[in-house]
Amino acid sequence: MDLSLINDLVNYESSDCELSWIYQEIYTNPYKRESSTVPVTREEYFQEIHQHLESRHFKDLSTRVSYVQSIKFKCKVALLSDSEFSWINIKDSRQILWLWLQLYFNRKVALTTLSRSETGRHKEAIRAIDTMKLSTEQKLAYLLDLKSKWMVQIAIDARELSWLRHKDKGVCLWAERYVGKQNKPPIDTILSNLCLDPYLLVMGYIDTRTNEYKFEFIRKLKSAWIQKNHRKKVVDKSKNASTIKLSQKHAMLLTEIVATINTRAL
């Protein structure tokens, strides 16, 4: 196939989502090679797409051009605009993990990587939504549903989990241990493979529970943290009360008082 025709379909200005969508589109037909593997890097996507197009046999040039243009048009129509994803904050590691988990447990969505980075999970999530075998309207509806669920989730966080702060490593490590003691296995394998951050592990665990269990678990978690702090204050207060340091003058006076009391007792 003419290289210029291929470059008209995919080139270095093509986005990751475009490459992924085109790859899946051209390989969901009888021409799919059994030996092909799912690409990961941009270079691998280019190579797979080029090899497929070059191996196709068209009866004439116009048929080739028509095929490439139809794929290009379908891709443009299928992909959602960036503005539809504007509510997803790539700097919010908690939200990105939440979104990835929502997609992971949706059997209709194909996630191909288990990235430990926010950037990787964000890219994979957007790609997965764009390449869903749904109409544009259905994708928008699905994305709107995800957004609504997230708004509910952060409202719960603000009300019930404000004490579990990401920057407070002490409370995050304690919460991770609490989750581990309450459940067998301690934390879902998928979460352990995704991240090492105690905060994200705990939040990811909470997010994957049903609402009924989630609210009860959050209540118990918060109650256990309050009790732990209360016990610590009691212990610290007891230690302070039993380790009062007296000056030499006051120590001598206290000794004299005790001696006087003992003399009178005799």
C-alpha atoms as a PDB file:
ATOM      1  CA  MET A   1       0.000   0.000   0.000  1.00  0.00           C
ATOM      2  CA  ASP A   2       1.166   3.526  -0.757  1.00  0.00           C
ATOM      3  CA  LEU A   3       2.975   4.848   2.343  1.00  0.00           C
ATOM      4  CA  SER A   4       1.383   8.274   1.969  1.00  0.00           C
ATOM      5  CA  LEU A   5      -2.028   6.626   2.190  1.00  0.00           C
ATOM      6  CA  ILE A   6      -1.053   4.862   5.409  1.00  0.00           C
ATOM      7  CA  ASN A   7       0.366   8.073   6.853  1.00  0.00           C
ATOM      8  CA  ASP A   8      -2.923   9.754   6.085  1.00  0.00           C
ATOM      9  CA  LEU A   9      -4.544   7.363   8.528  1.00  0.00           C
ATOM     10  CA  VAL A  10      -1.873   7.152  11.256  1.00  0.00           C
ATOM     11  CA  ASN A  11       1.112   9.421  11.849  1.00  0.00           C
ATOM     12  CA  TYR A  12       3.109  10.815  14.738  1.00  0.00           C
ATOM     13  CA  GLU A  13       0.453  13.452  15.358  1.00  0.00           C
ATOM     14  CA  SER A  14      -2.142  10.765  16.015  1.00  0.00           C
ATOM     15  CA  SER A  15      -3.182  10.558  19.664  1.00  0.00           C
ATOM     16  CA  ASP A  16      -2.842   7.399  21.741  1.00  0.00           C
ATOM     17  CA  CYS A  17      -6.610   6.987  21.670  1.00  0.00           C
ATOM     18  CA  GLU A  18      -6.695   7.269  17.874  1.00  0.00           C
ATOM     19  CA  LEU A  19      -4.006   4.629  17.485  1.00  0.00           C
ATOM     20  CA  SER A  20      -5.747   2.288  19.905  1.00  0.00           C
ATOM     21  CA  TRP A  21      -9.158   2.737  18.272  1.00  0.00           C
ATOM     22  CA  ILE A  22      -7.831   2.222  14.731  1.00  0.00           C
ATOM     23  CA  TYR A  23      -5.908  -0.864  15.831  1.00  0.00           C
ATOM     24  CA  GLN A  24      -8.989  -2.451  17.386  1.00  0.00           C
ATOM     25  CA  GLU A  25     -11.174  -1.487  14.424  1.00  0.00           C
ATOM     26  CA  ILE A  26      -8.975  -2.991  11.709  1.00  0.00           C
ATOM     27  CA  TYR A  27      -8.316  -6.166  13.680  1.00  0.00           C
ATOM     28  CA  THR A  28     -11.970  -6.984  14.377  1.00  0.00           C
ATOM     29  CA  ASN A  29     -12.390  -8.506  10.947  1.00  0.00           C
ATOM     30  CA  PRO A  30     -11.371 -11.723   9.113  1.00  0.00           C
ATOM     31  CA  TYR A  31      -7.969 -10.239   8.262  1.00  0.00           C
ATOM     32  CA  LYS A  32      -6.726 -10.309  11.840  1.00  0.00           C
ATOM     33  CA  ARG A  33      -3.423 -12.178  12.100  1.00  0.00           C
ATOM     34  CA  GLU A  34      -3.377 -14.831  14.825  1.00  0.00           C
ATOM     35  CA  SER A  35       0.272 -14.055  15.593  1.00  0.00           C
ATOM     36  CA  SER A  36      -0.379 -10.401  16.384  1.00  0.00           C
ATOM     37  CA  THR A  37       0.069  -9.227  19.959  1.00  0.00           C
ATOM     38  CA  VAL A  38      -1.597  -6.314  21.716  1.00  0.00           C
ATOM     39  CA  PRO A  39       0.650  -3.251  21.280  1.00  0.00           C
ATOM     40  CA  VAL A  40       1.808  -1.200  24.246  1.00  0.00           C
ATOM     41  CA  THR A  41       4.019   1.580  22.897  1.00  0.00           C
ATOM     42  CA  ARG A  42       3.180   4.031  20.118  1.00  0.00           C
ATOM     43  CA  GLU A  43       5.850   2.480  17.939  1.00  0.00           C
ATOM     44  CA  GLU A  44       4.227  -0.956  18.328  1.00  0.00           C
ATOM     45  CA  TYR A  45       0.831   0.485  17.343  1.00  0.00           C
ATOM     46  CA  PHE A  46       2.343   2.061  14.231  1.00  0.00           C
ATOM     47  CA  GLN A  47       4.035  -1.187  13.284  1.00  0.00           C
ATOM     48  CA  GLU A  48       0.910  -3.346  13.752  1.00  0.00           C
ATOM     49  CA  ILE A  49      -1.350  -0.964  11.828  1.00  0.00           C
ATOM     50  CA  HIS A  50       1.125  -0.511   8.972  1.00  0.00           C
ATOM     51  CA  GLN A  51       1.713  -4.256   8.649  1.00  0.00           C
ATOM     52  CA  HIS A  52      -2.017  -4.924   8.544  1.00  0.00           C
ATOM     53  CA  LEU A  53      -2.720  -2.293   5.908  1.00  0.00           C
ATOM     54  CA  GLU A  54       0.210  -3.379   3.769  1.00  0.00           C
ATOM     55  CA  SER A  55      -0.969  -6.996   3.882  1.00  0.00           C
ATOM     56  CA  ARG A  56      -4.492  -6.162   2.687  1.00  0.00           C
ATOM     57  CA  HIS A  57      -5.380  -6.885  -0.912  1.00  0.00           C
ATOM     58  CA  PHE A  58      -7.631  -4.343  -2.614  1.00  0.00           C
ATOM     59  CA  LYS A  59      -8.896  -4.681  -6.156  1.00  0.00           C
ATOM     60  CA  ASP A  60      -7.914  -1.112  -7.055  1.00  0.00           C
ATOM     61  CA  LEU A  61      -6.584   2.153  -5.652  1.00  0.00           C
ATOM     62  CA  SER A  62     -10.003   3.726  -5.162  1.00  0.00           C
ATOM     63  CA  THR A  63     -11.041   0.826  -2.919  1.00  0.00           C
ATOM     64  CA  ARG A  64      -7.892   1.321  -0.832  1.00  0.00           C
ATOM     65  CA  VAL A  65      -8.542   5.042  -0.489  1.00  0.00           C
ATOM     66  CA  SER A  66     -12.175   4.445   0.394  1.00  0.00           C
ATOM     67  CA  TYR A  67     -11.203   1.917   3.103  1.00  0.00           C
ATOM     68  CA  VAL A  68      -8.676   4.244   4.736  1.00  0.00           C
ATOM     69  CA  GLN A  69     -11.034   7.221   4.630  1.00  0.00           C
ATOM     70  CA  SER A  70     -13.876   5.205   6.145  1.00  0.00           C
ATOM     71  CA  ILE A  71     -11.654   4.078   9.043  1.00  0.00           C
ATOM     72  CA  LYS A  72     -10.461   7.632   9.571  1.00  0.00           C
ATOM     73  CA  PHE A  73     -14.026   8.989   9.572  1.00  0.00           C
ATOM     74  CA  LYS A  74     -15.286   6.305  11.962  1.00  0.00           C
ATOM     75  CA  CYS A  75     -12.410   7.068  14.315  1.00  0.00           C
ATOM     76  CA  LYS A  76     -13.199  10.791  14.346  1.00  0.00           C
ATOM     77  CA  VAL A  77     -16.854  10.107  15.111  1.00  0.00           C
ATOM     78  CA  ALA A  78     -16.147   7.448  17.756  1.00  0.00           C
ATOM     79  CA  LEU A  79     -13.656   9.356  19.908  1.00  0.00           C
ATOM     80  CA  LEU A  80     -15.035  11.719  22.531  1.00  0.00           C
ATOM     81  CA  SER A  81     -13.704  15.252  22.767  1.00  0.00           C
ATOM     82  CA  ASP A  82     -11.182  16.117  25.472  1.00  0.00           C
ATOM     83  CA  SER A  83     -13.725  18.422  27.116  1.00  0.00           C
ATOM     84  CA  GLU A  84     -15.855  15.398  28.056  1.00  0.00           C
ATOM     85  CA  PHE A  85     -12.988  14.202  30.276  1.00  0.00           C
ATOM     86  CA  SER A  86     -12.199  17.586  31.840  1.00  0.00           C
ATOM     87  CA  TRP A  87     -13.644  16.557  35.227  1.00  0.00           C
ATOM     88  CA  ILE A  88     -10.932  13.894  35.546  1.00  0.00           C
ATOM     89  CA  ASN A  89      -7.904  15.413  37.290  1.00  0.00           C
ATOM     90  CA  ILE A  90      -4.696  13.630  36.311  1.00  0.00           C
ATOM     91  CA  LYS A  91      -3.006  15.041  39.448  1.00  0.00           C
ATOM     92  CA  ASP A  92      -5.608  13.432  41.726  1.00  0.00           C
ATOM     93  CA  SER A  93      -4.147   9.963  42.323  1.00  0.00           C
ATOM     94  CA  ARG A  94      -7.192   8.969  44.361  1.00  0.00           C
ATOM     95  CA  GLN A  95      -9.622   9.849  41.560  1.00  0.00           C
ATOM     96  CA  ILE A  96      -7.515   8.184  38.855  1.00  0.00           C
ATOM     97  CA  LEU A  97      -7.377   4.930  40.829  1.00  0.00           C
ATOM     98  CA  TRP A  98     -11.128   5.149  41.471  1.00  0.00           C
ATOM     99  CA  LEU A  99     -11.821   5.601  37.750  1.00  0.00           C
ATOM    100  CA  TRP A 100      -9.499   2.752  36.784  1.00  0.00           C
ATOM    101  CA  LEU A 101     -11.203   0.415  39.254  1.00  0.00           C
ATOM    102  CA  GLN A 102     -14.656   1.381  37.976  1.00  0.00           C
ATOM    103  CA  LEU A 103     -13.564   0.426  34.464  1.00  0.00           C
ATOM    104  CA  TYR A 104     -11.719  -2.690  35.594  1.00  0.00           C
ATOM    105  CA  PHE A 105     -14.843  -4.192  37.154  1.00  0.00           C
ATOM    106  CA  ASN A 106     -16.930  -3.384  34.092  1.00  0.00           C
ATOM    107  CA  ARG A 107     -16.725  -6.468  31.881  1.00  0.00           C
ATOM    108  CA  LYS A 108     -17.549  -4.431  28.785  1.00  0.00           C
ATOM    109  CA  VAL A 109     -14.365  -2.379  29.127  1.00  0.00           C
ATOM    110  CA  ALA A 110     -11.002  -3.724  27.979  1.00  0.00           C
ATOM    111  CA  LEU A 111      -8.083  -2.647  30.161  1.00  0.00           C
ATOM    112  CA  THR A 112      -4.805  -4.017  28.856  1.00  0.00           C
ATOM    113  CA  THR A 113      -2.279  -2.782  31.438  1.00  0.00           C
ATOM    114  CA  LEU A 114      -1.820  -2.677  35.221  1.00  0.00           C
ATOM    115  CA  SER A 115       0.105   0.571  35.507  1.00  0.00           C
ATOM    116  CA  ARG A 116       1.388   1.756  38.897  1.00  0.00           C
ATOM    117  CA  SER A 117       1.598   5.378  37.770  1.00  0.00           C
ATOM    118  CA  GLU A 118      -1.221   7.930  37.707  1.00  0.00           C
ATOM    119  CA  THR A 119      -0.236   8.926  34.167  1.00  0.00           C
ATOM    120  CA  GLY A 120      -0.397   5.338  32.940  1.00  0.00           C
ATOM    121  CA  ARG A 121      -3.752   4.639  34.616  1.00  0.00           C
ATOM    122  CA  HIS A 122      -5.206   7.922  33.311  1.00  0.00           C
ATOM    123  CA  LYS A 123      -4.100   7.189  29.736  1.00  0.00           C
ATOM    124  CA  GLU A 124      -5.406   3.620  29.887  1.00  0.00           C
ATOM    125  CA  ALA A 125      -8.773   4.721  31.314  1.00  0.00           C
ATOM    126  CA  ILE A 126      -9.373   7.313  28.578  1.00  0.00           C
ATOM    127  CA  ARG A 127      -8.302   4.831  25.923  1.00  0.00           C
ATOM    128  CA  ALA A 128     -10.620   2.151  27.318  1.00  0.00           C
ATOM    129  CA  ILE A 129     -13.647   4.455  27.264  1.00  0.00           C
ATOM    130  CA  ASP A 130     -12.912   5.675  23.735  1.00  0.00           C
ATOM    131  CA  THR A 131     -12.579   2.156  22.374  1.00  0.00           C
ATOM    132  CA  MET A 132     -15.742   0.756  23.966  1.00  0.00           C
ATOM    133  CA  LYS A 133     -18.042  -0.868  21.436  1.00  0.00           C
ATOM    134  CA  LEU A 134     -20.768   1.700  22.054  1.00  0.00           C
ATOM    135  CA  SER A 135     -22.246   4.599  20.137  1.00  0.00           C
ATOM    136  CA  THR A 136     -21.111   8.131  20.931  1.00  0.00           C
ATOM    137  CA  GLU A 137     -24.347   8.779  22.808  1.00  0.00           C
ATOM    138  CA  GLN A 138     -23.895   5.606  24.882  1.00  0.00           C
ATOM    139  CA  LYS A 139     -20.300   6.544  25.726  1.00  0.00           C
ATOM    140  CA  LEU A 140     -21.375  10.009  26.825  1.00  0.00           C
ATOM    141  CA  ALA A 141     -24.112   8.511  28.985  1.00  0.00           C
ATOM    142  CA  TYR A 142     -21.635   6.081  30.550  1.00  0.00           C
ATOM    143  CA  LEU A 143     -19.137   8.873  31.197  1.00  0.00           C
ATOM    144  CA  LEU A 144     -21.854  11.040  32.759  1.00  0.00           C
ATOM    145  CA  ASP A 145     -22.799   8.139  35.035  1.00  0.00           C
ATOM    146  CA  LEU A 146     -19.162   7.799  36.116  1.00  0.00           C
ATOM    147  CA  LYS A 147     -18.990  11.531  36.838  1.00  0.00           C
ATOM    148  CA  SER A 148     -22.168  11.359  38.965  1.00  0.00           C
ATOM    149  CA  LYS A 149     -20.782   8.426  40.952  1.00  0.00           C
ATOM    150  CA  TRP A 150     -17.547  10.314  41.571  1.00  0.00           C
ATOM    151  CA  MET A 151     -19.416  13.398  42.833  1.00  0.00           C
ATOM    152  CA  VAL A 152     -21.270  11.172  45.296  1.00  0.00           C
ATOM    153  CA  GLN A 153     -18.019   9.498  46.303  1.00  0.00           C
ATOM    154  CA  ILE A 154     -16.162  12.739  47.096  1.00  0.00           C
ATOM    155  CA  ALA A 155     -19.176  13.955  49.069  1.00  0.00           C
ATOM    156  CA  ILE A 156     -18.852  10.820  51.223  1.00  0.00           C
ATOM    157  CA  ASP A 157     -15.114  11.429  51.558  1.00  0.00           C
ATOM    158  CA  ALA A 158     -15.599  15.017  52.678  1.00  0.00           C
ATOM    159  CA  ARG A 159     -18.141  14.008  55.319  1.00  0.00           C
ATOM    160  CA  GLU A 160     -16.815  10.697  56.614  1.00  0.00           C
ATOM    161  CA  LEU A 161     -13.140  10.433  55.675  1.00  0.00           C
ATOM    162  CA  SER A 162     -11.760  13.953  56.181  1.00  0.00           C
ATOM    163  CA  TRP A 163      -9.584  12.611  59.031  1.00  0.00           C
ATOM    164  CA  LEU A 164      -7.853  10.140  56.675  1.00  0.00           C
ATOM    165  CA  ARG A 165      -5.465  12.582  55.020  1.00  0.00           C
ATOM    166  CA  HIS A 166      -3.075  11.499  52.282  1.00  0.00           C
ATOM    167  CA  LYS A 167      -0.198  13.536  53.722  1.00  0.00           C
ATOM    168  CA  ASP A 168      -0.559  11.959  57.175  1.00  0.00           C
ATOM    169  CA  LYS A 169       1.558   8.826  56.704  1.00  0.00           C
ATOM    170  CA  GLY A 170       0.904   7.671  60.278  1.00  0.00           C
ATOM    171  CA  VAL A 171      -2.866   7.458  59.942  1.00  0.00           C
ATOM    172  CA  CYS A 172      -2.577   5.950  56.433  1.00  0.00           C
ATOM    173  CA  LEU A 173      -0.265   3.167  57.616  1.00  0.00           C
ATOM    174  CA  TRP A 174      -2.574   2.482  60.571  1.00  0.00           C
ATOM    175  CA  ALA A 175      -5.616   2.334  58.246  1.00  0.00           C
ATOM    176  CA  GLU A 176      -3.789  -0.059  55.903  1.00  0.00           C
ATOM    177  CA  ARG A 177      -3.029  -2.393  58.823  1.00  0.00           C
ATOM    178  CA  TYR A 178      -6.649  -2.157  59.995  1.00  0.00           C
ATOM    179  CA  VAL A 179      -7.898  -3.196  56.548  1.00  0.00           C
ATOM    180  CA  GLY A 180      -5.436  -6.092  56.560  1.00  0.00           C
ATOM    181  CA  LYS A 181      -6.667  -7.374  59.940  1.00  0.00           C
ATOM    182  CA  GLN A 182     -10.338  -7.121  59.048  1.00  0.00           C
ATOM    183  CA  ASN A 183     -10.255  -9.012  55.769  1.00  0.00           C
ATOM    184  CA  LYS A 184      -8.919 -12.265  54.308  1.00  0.00           C
ATOM    185  CA  PRO A 185      -6.969 -11.753  52.097  1.00  0.00           C
ATOM    186  CA  PRO A 186      -5.812  -8.440  53.640  1.00  0.00           C
ATOM    187  CA  ILE A 187      -6.156  -6.291  50.518  1.00  0.00           C
ATOM    188  CA  ASP A 188      -7.358  -7.385  47.092  1.00  0.00           C
ATOM    189  CA  THR A 189      -4.562  -8.677  44.874  1.00  0.00           C
ATOM    190  CA  ILE A 190      -5.419  -6.249  42.096  1.00  0.00           C
ATOM    191  CA  LEU A 191      -4.851  -3.292  44.444  1.00  0.00           C
ATOM    192  CA  SER A 192      -1.525  -4.665  45.658  1.00  0.00           C
ATOM    193  CA  ASN A 193      -0.415  -4.972  42.040  1.00  0.00           C
ATOM    194  CA  LEU A 194      -1.522  -1.445  41.223  1.00  0.00           C
ATOM    195  CA  CYS A 195       0.047   0.646  43.976  1.00  0.00           C
ATOM    196  CA  LEU A 196       2.197   0.673  47.091  1.00  0.00           C
ATOM    197  CA  ASP A 197       0.743   3.838  48.607  1.00  0.00           C
ATOM    198  CA  PRO A 198      -1.108   2.937  51.880  1.00  0.00           C
ATOM    199  CA  TYR A 199      -3.660   5.724  51.360  1.00  0.00           C
ATOM    200  CA  LEU A 200      -4.538   4.563  47.852  1.00  0.00           C
ATOM    201  CA  LEU A 201      -4.730   0.945  48.970  1.00  0.00           C
ATOM    202  CA  VAL A 202      -7.243   1.819  51.704  1.00  0.00           C
ATOM    203  CA  MET A 203      -9.322   4.104  49.484  1.00  0.00           C
ATOM    204  CA  GLY A 204      -9.233   1.589  46.655  1.00  0.00           C
ATOM    205  CA  TYR A 205     -10.432  -1.124  49.024  1.00  0.00           C
ATOM    206  CA  ILE A 206     -13.320   1.061  50.210  1.00  0.00           C
ATOM    207  CA  ASP A 207     -14.262   1.971  46.633  1.00  0.00           C
ATOM    208  CA  THR A 208     -14.586  -1.645  45.550  1.00  0.00           C
ATOM    209  CA  ARG A 209     -17.101  -2.553  48.252  1.00  0.00           C
ATOM    210  CA  THR A 210     -20.864  -2.403  47.958  1.00  0.00           C
ATOM    211  CA  ASN A 211     -22.490   0.720  49.401  1.00  0.00           C
ATOM    212  CA  GLU A 212     -24.017  -1.174  52.328  1.00  0.00           C
ATOM    213  CA  TYR A 213     -20.657  -2.616  53.378  1.00  0.00           C
ATOM    214  CA  LYS A 214     -18.792   0.596  52.500  1.00  0.00           C
ATOM    215  CA  PHE A 215     -20.694   2.855  54.907  1.00  0.00           C
ATOM    216  CA  GLU A 216     -20.490   0.331  57.737  1.00  0.00           C
ATOM    217  CA  PHE A 217     -16.769  -0.204  57.167  1.00  0.00           C
ATOM    218  CA  ILE A 218     -16.061   3.556  57.118  1.00  0.00           C
ATOM    219  CA  ARG A 219     -17.988   3.918  60.396  1.00  0.00           C
ATOM    220  CA  LYS A 220     -15.978   1.142  62.064  1.00  0.00           C
ATOM    221  CA  LEU A 221     -12.704   2.486  60.674  1.00  0.00           C
ATOM    222  CA  LYS A 222     -13.383   5.971  62.018  1.00  0.00           C
ATOM    223  CA  SER A 223     -14.532   4.627  65.386  1.00  0.00           C
ATOM    224  CA  ALA A 224     -11.384   2.493  65.732  1.00  0.00           C
ATOM    225  CA  TRP A 225      -9.195   5.519  64.948  1.00  0.00           C
ATOM    226  CA  ILE A 226     -10.973   7.661  67.567  1.00  0.00           C
ATOM    227  CA  GLN A 227     -10.593   4.903  70.189  1.00  0.00           C
ATOM    228  CA  LYS A 228      -6.915   4.502  69.334  1.00  0.00           C
ATOM    229  CA  ASN A 229      -6.284   8.220  69.808  1.00  0.00           C
ATOM    230  CA  HIS A 230      -8.251   8.231  73.068  1.00  0.00           C
ATOM    231  CA  ARG A 231      -6.214   5.329  74.485  1.00  0.00           C
ATOM    232  CA  LYS A 232      -2.994   7.077  73.482  1.00  0.00           C
ATOM    233  CA  LYS A 233      -4.039  10.268  75.287  1.00  0.00           C
ATOM    234  CA  VAL A 234      -4.906   8.298  78.433  1.00  0.00           C
ATOM    235  CA  VAL A 235      -1.518   6.538  78.386  1.00  0.00           C
ATOM    236  CA  ASP A 236       0.375   9.781  77.733  1.00  0.00           C
ATOM    237  CA  LYS A 237      -1.507  11.529  80.544  1.00  0.00           C
ATOM    238  CA  SER A 238      -0.712   8.657  82.923  1.00  0.00           C
ATOM    239  CA  LYS A 239       2.976   8.788  82.007  1.00  0.00           C
ATOM    240  CA  ASN A 240       3.107  12.517  82.564  1.00  0.00           C
ATOM    241  CA  ALA A 241       1.402  12.209  85.947  1.00  0.00           C
ATOM    242  CA  SER A 242       3.844   9.547  87.192  1.00  0.00           C
ATOM    243  CA  THR A 243       7.011  11.258  86.046  1.00  0.00           C
ATOM    244  CA  ILE A 244       6.704  14.700  87.697  1.00  0.00           C
ATOM    245  CA  LYS A 245      10.168  16.072  88.392  1.00  0.00           C
ATOM    246  CA  LEU A 246      10.584  17.922  91.731  1.00  0.00           C
ATOM    247  CA  SER A 247      13.205  20.544  92.439  1.00  0.00           C
ATOM    248  CA  GLN A 248      15.764  19.743  95.196  1.00  0.00           C
ATOM    249  CA  LYS A 249      14.080  22.216  97.538  1.00  0.00           C
ATOM    250  CA  HIS A 250      10.627  20.669  97.129  1.00  0.00           C
ATOM    251  CA  ALA A 251      12.052  17.168  97.424  1.00  0.00           C
ATOM    252  CA  MET A 252      13.625  18.034 100.811  1.00  0.00           C
ATOM    253  CA  LEU A 253      10.362  19.544 102.048  1.00  0.00           C
ATOM    254  CA  LEU A 254       8.437  16.443 100.982  1.00  0.00           C
ATOM    255  CA  THR A 255      10.954  14.224 102.802  1.00  0.00           C
ATOM    256  CA  GLU A 256      10.569  16.281 106.003  1.00  0.00           C
ATOM    257  CA  ILE A 257       6.771  16.023 105.839  1.00  0.00           C
ATOM    258  CA  VAL A 258       6.912  12.236 105.429  1.00  0.00           C
ATOM    259  CA  ALA A 259       9.370  11.963 108.334  1.00  0.00           C
ATOM    260  CA  THR A 260       7.104  14.088 110.572  1.00  0.00           C
ATOM    261  CA  ILE A 261       4.095  11.938 109.738  1.00  0.00           C
ATOM    262  CA  ASN A 262       6.013   8.746 110.519  1.00  0.00           C
ATOM    263  CA  THR A 263       7.269  10.168 113.897  1.00  0.00           C
ATOM    264  CA  ARG A 264       3.748  11.075 114.992  1.00  0.00           C
ATOM    265  CA  ALA A 265       2.536   7.642 114.002  1.00  0.00           C
ATOM    266  CA  LEU A 266       5.013   6.086 116.404  1.00  0.00           C
END
